Amino acid sequence: MYGLYDKEGILRFVDSDKDACIAYAELFELGSTNYCLMDLGNDTKEVKKY
């Protein structure tokens, strides 16, 4: 799972495909200096609510 964050640290897009995240950045004309692509991992654990 990948997440695309803008230069202000706001999550803009999440997808399991890295290329889809990059295509999203290109769609909105975000240059590579204006975003950060992060591998979010798939091994998240559910948090119990009390």
C-alpha atoms as a PDB file:
ATOM      1  CA  MET A   1       0.000   0.000   0.000  1.00  0.00           C
ATOM      2  CA  TYR A   2       1.376   3.397  -0.975  1.00  0.00           C
ATOM      3  CA  GLY A   3       0.393   6.880   0.112  1.00  0.00           C
ATOM      4  CA  LEU A   4       1.168  10.118  -1.682  1.00  0.00           C
ATOM      5  CA  TYR A   5       1.741  13.148   0.570  1.00  0.00           C
ATOM      6  CA  ASP A   6       2.046  16.716  -0.652  1.00  0.00           C
ATOM      7  CA  LYS A   7       4.805  19.124   0.405  1.00  0.00           C
ATOM      8  CA  GLU A   8       2.687  20.207   3.392  1.00  0.00           C
ATOM      9  CA  GLY A   9       2.409  16.622   4.657  1.00  0.00           C
ATOM     10  CA  ILE A  10      -1.240  16.129   3.735  1.00  0.00           C
ATOM     11  CA  LEU A  11      -2.209  12.670   2.475  1.00  0.00           C
ATOM     12  CA  ARG A  12      -3.659  13.142  -0.997  1.00  0.00           C
ATOM     13  CA  PHE A  13      -3.984   9.605  -2.394  1.00  0.00           C
ATOM     14  CA  VAL A  14      -3.671   5.967  -1.284  1.00  0.00           C
ATOM     15  CA  ASP A  15      -3.392   2.984  -3.620  1.00  0.00           C
ATOM     16  CA  SER A  16      -1.772  -0.439  -3.643  1.00  0.00           C
ATOM     17  CA  ASP A  17       0.002   0.417  -6.901  1.00  0.00           C
ATOM     18  CA  LYS A  18       2.991   2.773  -6.782  1.00  0.00           C
ATOM     19  CA  ASP A  19       2.537   3.754 -10.442  1.00  0.00           C
ATOM     20  CA  ALA A  20      -1.080   4.788  -9.774  1.00  0.00           C
ATOM     21  CA  CYS A  21       0.117   7.178  -7.067  1.00  0.00           C
ATOM     22  CA  ILE A  22       2.672   8.683  -9.436  1.00  0.00           C
ATOM     23  CA  ALA A  23       0.018   9.026 -12.166  1.00  0.00           C
ATOM     24  CA  TYR A  24      -2.205  10.857  -9.662  1.00  0.00           C
ATOM     25  CA  ALA A  25       0.641  13.294  -8.916  1.00  0.00           C
ATOM     26  CA  GLU A  26       1.164  13.871 -12.637  1.00  0.00           C
ATOM     27  CA  LEU A  27      -2.577  14.436 -13.142  1.00  0.00           C
ATOM     28  CA  PHE A  28      -2.445  17.347 -10.708  1.00  0.00           C
ATOM     29  CA  GLU A  29       0.928  18.492 -12.055  1.00  0.00           C
ATOM     30  CA  LEU A  30       2.761  17.861  -8.790  1.00  0.00           C
ATOM     31  CA  GLY A  31       6.484  17.835  -9.470  1.00  0.00           C
ATOM     32  CA  SER A  32       8.625  15.232  -7.725  1.00  0.00           C
ATOM     33  CA  THR A  33       9.885  17.961  -5.370  1.00  0.00           C
ATOM     34  CA  ASN A  34       6.294  18.617  -4.221  1.00  0.00           C
ATOM     35  CA  TYR A  35       5.295  15.150  -3.046  1.00  0.00           C
ATOM     36  CA  CYS A  36       6.526  12.193  -1.043  1.00  0.00           C
ATOM     37  CA  LEU A  37       5.597   8.602  -1.899  1.00  0.00           C
ATOM     38  CA  MET A  38       5.552   6.275   1.109  1.00  0.00           C
ATOM     39  CA  ASP A  39       5.139   2.518   1.408  1.00  0.00           C
ATOM     40  CA  LEU A  40       2.492   2.188   4.125  1.00  0.00           C
ATOM     41  CA  GLY A  41       2.794  -1.595   4.513  1.00  0.00           C
ATOM     42  CA  ASN A  42       0.017  -4.153   4.577  1.00  0.00           C
ATOM     43  CA  ASP A  43       0.576  -5.592   8.035  1.00  0.00           C
ATOM     44  CA  THR A  44      -1.556  -3.166  10.004  1.00  0.00           C
ATOM     45  CA  LYS A  45      -3.315  -4.408  13.120  1.00  0.00           C
ATOM     46  CA  GLU A  46      -6.843  -3.534  14.149  1.00  0.00           C
ATOM     47  CA  VAL A  47      -7.077  -1.428  17.281  1.00  0.00           C
ATOM     48  CA  LYS A  48      -9.586  -2.615  19.861  1.00  0.00           C
ATOM     49  CA  LYS A  49     -12.149  -0.086  21.050  1.00  0.00           C
ATOM     50  CA  TYR A  50     -13.001  -0.027  24.746  1.00  0.00           C
END
